[in-house]
């Protein structure tokens, strides 16, 4: 009788443990190991998440909600992994906090920390153009990736820049910058950092880089699927945009000038479709 009771108890425990164990194993192979590898430096100490203080965009107001939705998503996954993440507004960050490993959310218009970082000499992609919303490259600023709009003037396709660089305030720490032309591009960039295929690609490339991502925007102004341009399923859009930071090889810079210029020209001509 005792053995039967004990066997029943063990059976019930196994019924509960095994499915959860399978889920944990599945989750590990789906994203965990790739996420942990990408954010390896963020595991042992607190990371500061820098968000914009307010919606300062004069071109299209209201898209900052996407910045905060993306920030909430990355906060959730950091919490799930047990990583410490402290959220601070860009205009309130302290001298001590700025020297941590950083994730800076949103572009240079609302976020002064992003603005400073994208002004560093090692940067290839940044924002420019007449209204500050075009993606340009430092090597040849004449090439611009313009916003994609429909006949009503609504954004249909947004783009973002993902940067991982040395923290200019503390070179022993890292800074990840996720910013879009508008809020959708920022949210897309954050979602890329939680996507298995994207993380595999980024982990293979190297430690410090910049890369361009994209997403569609539907008629209700809701973000659609996010992609790295480099992995986009549409061959007319897919291009290699990832670039290494801190390279000192001049010939690489010359080749990169042509490649990025051709990419931006082609992508602008497609209308992001």
C-alpha atoms as a PDB file:
ATOM      1  CA  UNK A   1       0.000   0.000   0.000  1.00  0.00           C
ATOM      2  CA  UNK A   2       2.792   2.356   0.933  1.00  0.00           C
ATOM      3  CA  UNK A   3       4.655   1.564  -2.276  1.00  0.00           C
ATOM      4  CA  UNK A   4       1.525   2.175  -4.347  1.00  0.00           C
ATOM      5  CA  UNK A   5       0.978   5.537  -2.657  1.00  0.00           C
ATOM      6  CA  UNK A   6       4.621   6.494  -3.132  1.00  0.00           C
ATOM      7  CA  UNK A   7       4.457   5.425  -6.766  1.00  0.00           C
ATOM      8  CA  UNK A   8       1.361   7.574  -7.324  1.00  0.00           C
ATOM      9  CA  UNK A   9       3.059  10.579  -5.794  1.00  0.00           C
ATOM     10  CA  UNK A  10       6.161  10.117  -7.967  1.00  0.00           C
ATOM     11  CA  UNK A  11       3.970   9.687 -11.037  1.00  0.00           C
ATOM     12  CA  UNK A  12       2.103  12.942 -10.330  1.00  0.00           C
ATOM     13  CA  UNK A  13       5.399  14.771  -9.811  1.00  0.00           C
ATOM     14  CA  UNK A  14       6.770  13.422 -13.088  1.00  0.00           C
ATOM     15  CA  UNK A  15       3.589  14.454 -14.919  1.00  0.00           C
ATOM     16  CA  UNK A  16       4.197  18.025 -13.772  1.00  0.00           C
ATOM     17  CA  UNK A  17       7.986  18.140 -14.080  1.00  0.00           C
ATOM     18  CA  UNK A  18       8.452  16.511 -17.482  1.00  0.00           C
ATOM     19  CA  UNK A  19       6.313  18.890 -19.580  1.00  0.00           C
ATOM     20  CA  UNK A  20       7.864  21.889 -17.838  1.00  0.00           C
ATOM     21  CA  UNK A  21      11.290  20.390 -18.323  1.00  0.00           C
ATOM     22  CA  UNK A  22      10.590  19.926 -22.012  1.00  0.00           C
ATOM     23  CA  UNK A  23       9.345  23.525 -22.205  1.00  0.00           C
ATOM     24  CA  UNK A  24      12.529  24.735 -20.509  1.00  0.00           C
ATOM     25  CA  UNK A  25      14.720  22.706 -22.878  1.00  0.00           C
ATOM     26  CA  UNK A  26      12.742  23.976 -25.887  1.00  0.00           C
ATOM     27  CA  UNK A  27      12.981  27.557 -24.673  1.00  0.00           C
ATOM     28  CA  UNK A  28      16.722  27.186 -24.092  1.00  0.00           C
ATOM     29  CA  UNK A  29      17.337  26.059 -27.666  1.00  0.00           C
ATOM     30  CA  UNK A  30      14.840  28.535 -29.100  1.00  0.00           C
ATOM     31  CA  UNK A  31      16.331  31.717 -27.625  1.00  0.00           C
ATOM     32  CA  UNK A  32      17.948  31.337 -24.186  1.00  0.00           C
ATOM     33  CA  UNK A  33      21.476  30.397 -25.197  1.00  0.00           C
ATOM     34  CA  UNK A  34      21.591  32.981 -27.986  1.00  0.00           C
ATOM     35  CA  UNK A  35      20.247  35.721 -25.711  1.00  0.00           C
ATOM     36  CA  UNK A  36      22.706  34.804 -22.938  1.00  0.00           C
ATOM     37  CA  UNK A  37      25.610  34.868 -25.390  1.00  0.00           C
ATOM     38  CA  UNK A  38      24.655  38.264 -26.802  1.00  0.00           C
ATOM     39  CA  UNK A  39      24.086  39.783 -23.355  1.00  0.00           C
ATOM     40  CA  UNK A  40      26.957  37.918 -21.686  1.00  0.00           C
ATOM     41  CA  UNK A  41      28.447  41.123 -20.278  1.00  0.00           C
ATOM     42  CA  UNK A  42      25.085  42.132 -18.802  1.00  0.00           C
ATOM     43  CA  UNK A  43      24.696  38.992 -16.691  1.00  0.00           C
ATOM     44  CA  UNK A  44      26.974  39.780 -13.755  1.00  0.00           C
ATOM     45  CA  UNK A  45      26.175  43.435 -13.106  1.00  0.00           C
ATOM     46  CA  UNK A  46      23.335  45.897 -13.372  1.00  0.00           C
ATOM     47  CA  UNK A  47      22.539  47.332 -16.804  1.00  0.00           C
ATOM     48  CA  UNK A  48      21.090  50.824 -17.126  1.00  0.00           C
ATOM     49  CA  UNK A  49      18.193  51.156 -19.580  1.00  0.00           C
ATOM     50  CA  UNK A  50      18.029  54.751 -20.817  1.00  0.00           C
ATOM     51  CA  UNK A  51      14.668  55.963 -22.123  1.00  0.00           C
ATOM     52  CA  UNK A  52      13.677  59.357 -23.567  1.00  0.00           C
ATOM     53  CA  UNK A  53      12.063  61.851 -21.186  1.00  0.00           C
ATOM     54  CA  UNK A  54       9.209  62.890 -23.480  1.00  0.00           C
ATOM     55  CA  UNK A  55       7.896  62.856 -27.026  1.00  0.00           C
ATOM     56  CA  UNK A  56       9.936  65.577 -28.733  1.00  0.00           C
ATOM     57  CA  UNK A  57       9.392  64.552 -32.347  1.00  0.00           C
ATOM     58  CA  UNK A  58       7.846  67.423 -34.292  1.00  0.00           C
ATOM     59  CA  UNK A  59       7.341  65.399 -37.486  1.00  0.00           C
ATOM     60  CA  UNK A  60       5.080  62.598 -36.237  1.00  0.00           C
ATOM     61  CA  UNK A  61       3.906  62.827 -32.650  1.00  0.00           C
ATOM     62  CA  UNK A  62       2.760  59.878 -30.567  1.00  0.00           C
ATOM     63  CA  UNK A  63       5.145  57.167 -31.759  1.00  0.00           C
ATOM     64  CA  UNK A  64       7.149  57.314 -28.536  1.00  0.00           C
ATOM     65  CA  UNK A  65       4.657  54.818 -27.113  1.00  0.00           C
ATOM     66  CA  UNK A  66       6.459  52.259 -29.296  1.00  0.00           C
ATOM     67  CA  UNK A  67       9.747  53.162 -27.575  1.00  0.00           C
ATOM     68  CA  UNK A  68       8.221  52.378 -24.206  1.00  0.00           C
ATOM     69  CA  UNK A  69       6.500  49.193 -25.388  1.00  0.00           C
ATOM     70  CA  UNK A  70       9.837  47.947 -26.715  1.00  0.00           C
ATOM     71  CA  UNK A  71      11.574  48.949 -23.480  1.00  0.00           C
ATOM     72  CA  UNK A  72       8.959  47.027 -21.481  1.00  0.00           C
ATOM     73  CA  UNK A  73       9.536  43.934 -23.633  1.00  0.00           C
ATOM     74  CA  UNK A  74      13.294  43.988 -23.039  1.00  0.00           C
ATOM     75  CA  UNK A  75      12.699  44.611 -19.323  1.00  0.00           C
ATOM     76  CA  UNK A  76      10.471  41.534 -19.171  1.00  0.00           C
ATOM     77  CA  UNK A  77      13.027  39.244 -20.766  1.00  0.00           C
ATOM     78  CA  UNK A  78      15.859  40.614 -18.602  1.00  0.00           C
ATOM     79  CA  UNK A  79      13.695  39.889 -15.558  1.00  0.00           C
ATOM     80  CA  UNK A  80      12.971  36.382 -16.843  1.00  0.00           C
ATOM     81  CA  UNK A  81      16.698  35.670 -17.072  1.00  0.00           C
ATOM     82  CA  UNK A  82      17.388  37.219 -13.687  1.00  0.00           C
ATOM     83  CA  UNK A  83      19.480  40.059 -15.150  1.00  0.00           C
ATOM     84  CA  UNK A  84      19.415  43.367 -13.277  1.00  0.00           C
ATOM     85  CA  UNK A  85      18.069  46.259 -15.316  1.00  0.00           C
ATOM     86  CA  UNK A  86      17.535  49.780 -14.025  1.00  0.00           C
ATOM     87  CA  UNK A  87      15.419  52.194 -16.086  1.00  0.00           C
ATOM     88  CA  UNK A  88      16.495  55.849 -16.106  1.00  0.00           C
ATOM     89  CA  UNK A  89      15.304  58.815 -18.150  1.00  0.00           C
ATOM     90  CA  UNK A  90      17.979  60.280 -20.409  1.00  0.00           C
ATOM     91  CA  UNK A  91      17.764  63.728 -18.819  1.00  0.00           C
ATOM     92  CA  UNK A  92      18.020  62.309 -15.288  1.00  0.00           C
ATOM     93  CA  UNK A  93      20.919  59.859 -15.585  1.00  0.00           C
ATOM     94  CA  UNK A  94      23.707  60.320 -13.032  1.00  0.00           C
ATOM     95  CA  UNK A  95      27.485  60.345 -13.540  1.00  0.00           C
ATOM     96  CA  UNK A  96      27.676  56.960 -11.819  1.00  0.00           C
ATOM     97  CA  UNK A  97      24.846  55.371 -13.840  1.00  0.00           C
ATOM     98  CA  UNK A  98      26.267  56.486 -17.192  1.00  0.00           C
ATOM     99  CA  UNK A  99      29.389  54.380 -16.519  1.00  0.00           C
ATOM    100  CA  UNK A 100      27.454  51.078 -16.424  1.00  0.00           C
ATOM    101  CA  UNK A 101      26.702  48.757 -19.305  1.00  0.00           C
ATOM    102  CA  UNK A 102      23.980  50.682 -21.135  1.00  0.00           C
ATOM    103  CA  UNK A 103      20.992  50.111 -23.383  1.00  0.00           C
ATOM    104  CA  UNK A 104      19.950  53.449 -24.846  1.00  0.00           C
ATOM    105  CA  UNK A 105      16.458  53.524 -26.347  1.00  0.00           C
ATOM    106  CA  UNK A 106      15.270  55.964 -29.041  1.00  0.00           C
ATOM    107  CA  UNK A 107      17.033  58.292 -31.435  1.00  0.00           C
ATOM    108  CA  UNK A 108      19.050  61.479 -30.951  1.00  0.00           C
ATOM    109  CA  UNK A 109      16.070  63.858 -31.035  1.00  0.00           C
ATOM    110  CA  UNK A 110      14.480  62.751 -27.728  1.00  0.00           C
ATOM    111  CA  UNK A 111      17.495  60.963 -26.170  1.00  0.00           C
ATOM    112  CA  UNK A 112      20.619  63.059 -25.498  1.00  0.00           C
ATOM    113  CA  UNK A 113      22.664  59.971 -24.565  1.00  0.00           C
ATOM    114  CA  UNK A 114      21.947  58.364 -27.952  1.00  0.00           C
ATOM    115  CA  UNK A 115      22.817  61.682 -29.613  1.00  0.00           C
ATOM    116  CA  UNK A 116      26.228  61.808 -27.941  1.00  0.00           C
ATOM    117  CA  UNK A 117      27.050  58.188 -28.726  1.00  0.00           C
ATOM    118  CA  UNK A 118      26.114  58.447 -32.400  1.00  0.00           C
ATOM    119  CA  UNK A 119      28.489  61.407 -32.713  1.00  0.00           C
ATOM    120  CA  UNK A 120      31.530  59.241 -31.890  1.00  0.00           C
ATOM    121  CA  UNK A 121      34.216  58.774 -34.557  1.00  0.00           C
ATOM    122  CA  UNK A 122      33.764  55.005 -34.853  1.00  0.00           C
ATOM    123  CA  UNK A 123      30.094  55.307 -35.864  1.00  0.00           C
ATOM    124  CA  UNK A 124      29.074  54.427 -39.442  1.00  0.00           C
ATOM    125  CA  UNK A 125      25.272  54.821 -39.379  1.00  0.00           C
ATOM    126  CA  UNK A 126      23.484  57.765 -37.805  1.00  0.00           C
ATOM    127  CA  UNK A 127      20.491  60.025 -38.424  1.00  0.00           C
ATOM    128  CA  UNK A 128      20.568  63.112 -40.598  1.00  0.00           C
ATOM    129  CA  UNK A 129      18.846  64.747 -43.538  1.00  0.00           C
ATOM    130  CA  UNK A 130      16.771  67.896 -43.507  1.00  0.00           C
ATOM    131  CA  UNK A 131      14.508  66.764 -40.642  1.00  0.00           C
ATOM    132  CA  UNK A 132      16.920  64.403 -38.864  1.00  0.00           C
ATOM    133  CA  UNK A 133      14.929  61.258 -39.734  1.00  0.00           C
ATOM    134  CA  UNK A 134      16.974  59.849 -42.607  1.00  0.00           C
ATOM    135  CA  UNK A 135      19.558  57.134 -41.980  1.00  0.00           C
ATOM    136  CA  UNK A 136      22.930  58.195 -43.365  1.00  0.00           C
ATOM    137  CA  UNK A 137      26.445  56.819 -43.064  1.00  0.00           C
ATOM    138  CA  UNK A 138      29.452  58.705 -41.812  1.00  0.00           C
ATOM    139  CA  UNK A 139      31.597  57.552 -44.711  1.00  0.00           C
ATOM    140  CA  UNK A 140      29.383  59.157 -47.336  1.00  0.00           C
ATOM    141  CA  UNK A 141      26.618  61.352 -45.823  1.00  0.00           C
ATOM    142  CA  UNK A 142      25.172  62.087 -49.283  1.00  0.00           C
ATOM    143  CA  UNK A 143      23.504  58.659 -49.267  1.00  0.00           C
ATOM    144  CA  UNK A 144      20.251  58.835 -47.302  1.00  0.00           C
ATOM    145  CA  UNK A 145      17.622  56.245 -46.433  1.00  0.00           C
ATOM    146  CA  UNK A 146      14.407  58.248 -46.441  1.00  0.00           C
ATOM    147  CA  UNK A 147      11.178  57.442 -44.570  1.00  0.00           C
ATOM    148  CA  UNK A 148       8.701  55.350 -46.589  1.00  0.00           C
ATOM    149  CA  UNK A 149       5.245  56.967 -46.670  1.00  0.00           C
ATOM    150  CA  UNK A 150       1.959  56.211 -48.407  1.00  0.00           C
ATOM    151  CA  UNK A 151      -0.133  58.699 -50.397  1.00  0.00           C
ATOM    152  CA  UNK A 152      -1.727  59.955 -47.162  1.00  0.00           C
ATOM    153  CA  UNK A 153       1.652  60.710 -45.650  1.00  0.00           C
ATOM    154  CA  UNK A 154       1.495  57.816 -43.175  1.00  0.00           C
ATOM    155  CA  UNK A 155       4.582  55.732 -42.445  1.00  0.00           C
ATOM    156  CA  UNK A 156       4.299  52.259 -43.987  1.00  0.00           C
ATOM    157  CA  UNK A 157       7.851  51.073 -43.473  1.00  0.00           C
ATOM    158  CA  UNK A 158      10.177  52.150 -40.679  1.00  0.00           C
ATOM    159  CA  UNK A 159      13.866  51.487 -40.160  1.00  0.00           C
ATOM    160  CA  UNK A 160      16.127  51.338 -37.140  1.00  0.00           C
ATOM    161  CA  UNK A 161      19.806  51.195 -36.252  1.00  0.00           C
ATOM    162  CA  UNK A 162      21.219  48.731 -33.740  1.00  0.00           C
ATOM    163  CA  UNK A 163      24.645  49.619 -32.368  1.00  0.00           C
ATOM    164  CA  UNK A 164      26.864  47.828 -29.899  1.00  0.00           C
ATOM    165  CA  UNK A 165      29.935  49.854 -29.040  1.00  0.00           C
ATOM    166  CA  UNK A 166      32.282  50.609 -26.176  1.00  0.00           C
ATOM    167  CA  UNK A 167      30.641  52.910 -23.668  1.00  0.00           C
ATOM    168  CA  UNK A 168      32.308  56.285 -24.398  1.00  0.00           C
ATOM    169  CA  UNK A 169      31.773  57.262 -20.766  1.00  0.00           C
ATOM    170  CA  UNK A 170      33.549  54.085 -19.523  1.00  0.00           C
ATOM    171  CA  UNK A 171      35.412  52.075 -22.221  1.00  0.00           C
ATOM    172  CA  UNK A 172      35.495  48.896 -20.117  1.00  0.00           C
ATOM    173  CA  UNK A 173      31.688  48.763 -20.383  1.00  0.00           C
ATOM    174  CA  UNK A 174      29.484  48.299 -23.425  1.00  0.00           C
ATOM    175  CA  UNK A 175      26.655  50.397 -24.811  1.00  0.00           C
ATOM    176  CA  UNK A 176      23.813  49.064 -26.951  1.00  0.00           C
ATOM    177  CA  UNK A 177      21.849  51.709 -28.833  1.00  0.00           C
ATOM    178  CA  UNK A 178      18.464  50.867 -30.349  1.00  0.00           C
ATOM    179  CA  UNK A 179      16.861  53.677 -32.292  1.00  0.00           C
ATOM    180  CA  UNK A 180      14.478  54.113 -35.189  1.00  0.00           C
ATOM    181  CA  UNK A 181      13.553  56.929 -37.516  1.00  0.00           C
ATOM    182  CA  UNK A 182      10.281  56.856 -35.571  1.00  0.00           C
ATOM    183  CA  UNK A 183       9.025  54.786 -32.636  1.00  0.00           C
ATOM    184  CA  UNK A 184       8.204  51.754 -34.768  1.00  0.00           C
ATOM    185  CA  UNK A 185      11.830  51.448 -35.857  1.00  0.00           C
ATOM    186  CA  UNK A 186      12.976  51.638 -32.254  1.00  0.00           C
ATOM    187  CA  UNK A 187      10.550  48.919 -31.167  1.00  0.00           C
ATOM    188  CA  UNK A 188      11.657  46.804 -34.146  1.00  0.00           C
ATOM    189  CA  UNK A 189      15.303  47.168 -33.094  1.00  0.00           C
ATOM    190  CA  UNK A 190      14.479  46.034 -29.560  1.00  0.00           C
ATOM    191  CA  UNK A 191      12.524  43.039 -30.851  1.00  0.00           C
ATOM    192  CA  UNK A 192      15.500  42.019 -32.996  1.00  0.00           C
ATOM    193  CA  UNK A 193      17.453  41.553 -29.747  1.00  0.00           C
ATOM    194  CA  UNK A 194      14.864  38.970 -28.652  1.00  0.00           C
ATOM    195  CA  UNK A 195      14.711  37.074 -31.951  1.00  0.00           C
ATOM    196  CA  UNK A 196      16.563  33.772 -32.304  1.00  0.00           C
ATOM    197  CA  UNK A 197      17.667  34.019 -35.947  1.00  0.00           C
ATOM    198  CA  UNK A 198      18.765  37.637 -35.539  1.00  0.00           C
ATOM    199  CA  UNK A 199      20.760  36.846 -32.403  1.00  0.00           C
ATOM    200  CA  UNK A 200      22.496  33.917 -34.101  1.00  0.00           C
ATOM    201  CA  UNK A 201      23.535  36.238 -36.934  1.00  0.00           C
ATOM    202  CA  UNK A 202      24.729  39.017 -34.622  1.00  0.00           C
ATOM    203  CA  UNK A 203      26.599  36.613 -32.339  1.00  0.00           C
ATOM    204  CA  UNK A 204      28.528  35.239 -35.318  1.00  0.00           C
ATOM    205  CA  UNK A 205      29.629  38.660 -36.521  1.00  0.00           C
ATOM    206  CA  UNK A 206      31.575  40.055 -33.616  1.00  0.00           C
ATOM    207  CA  UNK A 207      31.371  42.129 -30.486  1.00  0.00           C
ATOM    208  CA  UNK A 208      31.028  45.694 -31.760  1.00  0.00           C
ATOM    209  CA  UNK A 209      28.915  46.521 -34.792  1.00  0.00           C
ATOM    210  CA  UNK A 210      26.120  48.514 -36.369  1.00  0.00           C
ATOM    211  CA  UNK A 211      23.292  47.022 -38.420  1.00  0.00           C
ATOM    212  CA  UNK A 212      20.023  48.250 -39.916  1.00  0.00           C
ATOM    213  CA  UNK A 213      16.640  46.655 -39.212  1.00  0.00           C
ATOM    214  CA  UNK A 214      13.171  47.284 -40.583  1.00  0.00           C
ATOM    215  CA  UNK A 215       9.492  46.670 -39.934  1.00  0.00           C
ATOM    216  CA  UNK A 216       6.167  47.246 -41.614  1.00  0.00           C
ATOM    217  CA  UNK A 217       3.534  49.537 -40.100  1.00  0.00           C
ATOM    218  CA  UNK A 218      -0.144  48.727 -40.687  1.00  0.00           C
ATOM    219  CA  UNK A 219      -3.071  51.078 -41.282  1.00  0.00           C
ATOM    220  CA  UNK A 220      -3.719  51.305 -37.540  1.00  0.00           C
ATOM    221  CA  UNK A 221      -0.121  52.410 -36.926  1.00  0.00           C
ATOM    222  CA  UNK A 222       0.779  49.082 -35.315  1.00  0.00           C
ATOM    223  CA  UNK A 223       4.198  47.550 -35.840  1.00  0.00           C
ATOM    224  CA  UNK A 224       4.386  44.385 -37.935  1.00  0.00           C
ATOM    225  CA  UNK A 225       7.154  41.778 -38.162  1.00  0.00           C
ATOM    226  CA  UNK A 226      10.699  43.015 -37.523  1.00  0.00           C
ATOM    227  CA  UNK A 227      13.684  41.933 -39.625  1.00  0.00           C
ATOM    228  CA  UNK A 228      17.348  42.646 -39.940  1.00  0.00           C
ATOM    229  CA  UNK A 229      17.830  43.956 -43.481  1.00  0.00           C
ATOM    230  CA  UNK A 230      20.585  41.338 -43.766  1.00  0.00           C
ATOM    231  CA  UNK A 231      18.074  38.503 -43.156  1.00  0.00           C
ATOM    232  CA  UNK A 232      14.978  39.948 -44.809  1.00  0.00           C
ATOM    233  CA  UNK A 233      12.899  37.299 -46.660  1.00  0.00           C
ATOM    234  CA  UNK A 234      12.358  39.680 -49.585  1.00  0.00           C
ATOM    235  CA  UNK A 235      15.409  39.474 -51.851  1.00  0.00           C
ATOM    236  CA  UNK A 236      14.793  42.976 -53.199  1.00  0.00           C
ATOM    237  CA  UNK A 237      15.322  44.352 -49.685  1.00  0.00           C
ATOM    238  CA  UNK A 238      17.879  41.910 -48.273  1.00  0.00           C
ATOM    239  CA  UNK A 239      21.363  43.444 -48.186  1.00  0.00           C
ATOM    240  CA  UNK A 240      24.366  43.142 -45.910  1.00  0.00           C
ATOM    241  CA  UNK A 241      24.237  46.215 -43.680  1.00  0.00           C
ATOM    242  CA  UNK A 242      26.219  45.009 -40.683  1.00  0.00           C
ATOM    243  CA  UNK A 243      29.525  46.835 -40.248  1.00  0.00           C
ATOM    244  CA  UNK A 244      32.376  46.302 -37.834  1.00  0.00           C
ATOM    245  CA  UNK A 245      33.306  49.113 -35.481  1.00  0.00           C
ATOM    246  CA  UNK A 246      36.862  50.054 -34.502  1.00  0.00           C
ATOM    247  CA  UNK A 247      38.397  48.674 -37.712  1.00  0.00           C
ATOM    248  CA  UNK A 248      41.583  50.405 -38.812  1.00  0.00           C
ATOM    249  CA  UNK A 249      41.840  48.935 -42.306  1.00  0.00           C
ATOM    250  CA  UNK A 250      41.520  51.753 -44.838  1.00  0.00           C
ATOM    251  CA  UNK A 251      40.723  49.421 -47.723  1.00  0.00           C
ATOM    252  CA  UNK A 252      37.736  48.103 -45.797  1.00  0.00           C
ATOM    253  CA  UNK A 253      36.458  51.640 -45.439  1.00  0.00           C
ATOM    254  CA  UNK A 254      36.700  52.263 -49.181  1.00  0.00           C
ATOM    255  CA  UNK A 255      34.790  49.068 -50.015  1.00  0.00           C
ATOM    256  CA  UNK A 256      32.234  49.869 -47.350  1.00  0.00           C
ATOM    257  CA  UNK A 257      31.625  53.331 -48.798  1.00  0.00           C
ATOM    258  CA  UNK A 258      30.503  51.852 -52.115  1.00  0.00           C
ATOM    259  CA  UNK A 259      28.507  48.988 -50.591  1.00  0.00           C
ATOM    260  CA  UNK A 260      26.512  51.149 -48.175  1.00  0.00           C
ATOM    261  CA  UNK A 261      25.869  53.772 -50.838  1.00  0.00           C
ATOM    262  CA  UNK A 262      24.504  51.179 -53.273  1.00  0.00           C
ATOM    263  CA  UNK A 263      22.394  49.584 -50.520  1.00  0.00           C
ATOM    264  CA  UNK A 264      20.738  52.829 -49.444  1.00  0.00           C
ATOM    265  CA  UNK A 265      20.099  53.913 -53.031  1.00  0.00           C
ATOM    266  CA  UNK A 266      18.530  50.561 -53.947  1.00  0.00           C
ATOM    267  CA  UNK A 267      16.410  50.350 -50.812  1.00  0.00           C
ATOM    268  CA  UNK A 268      15.084  53.884 -51.204  1.00  0.00           C
ATOM    269  CA  UNK A 269      14.127  53.096 -54.793  1.00  0.00           C
ATOM    270  CA  UNK A 270      12.121  50.015 -53.743  1.00  0.00           C
ATOM    271  CA  UNK A 271       9.968  52.129 -51.428  1.00  0.00           C
ATOM    272  CA  UNK A 272      10.543  49.513 -48.715  1.00  0.00           C
ATOM    273  CA  UNK A 273       8.219  47.046 -50.438  1.00  0.00           C
END
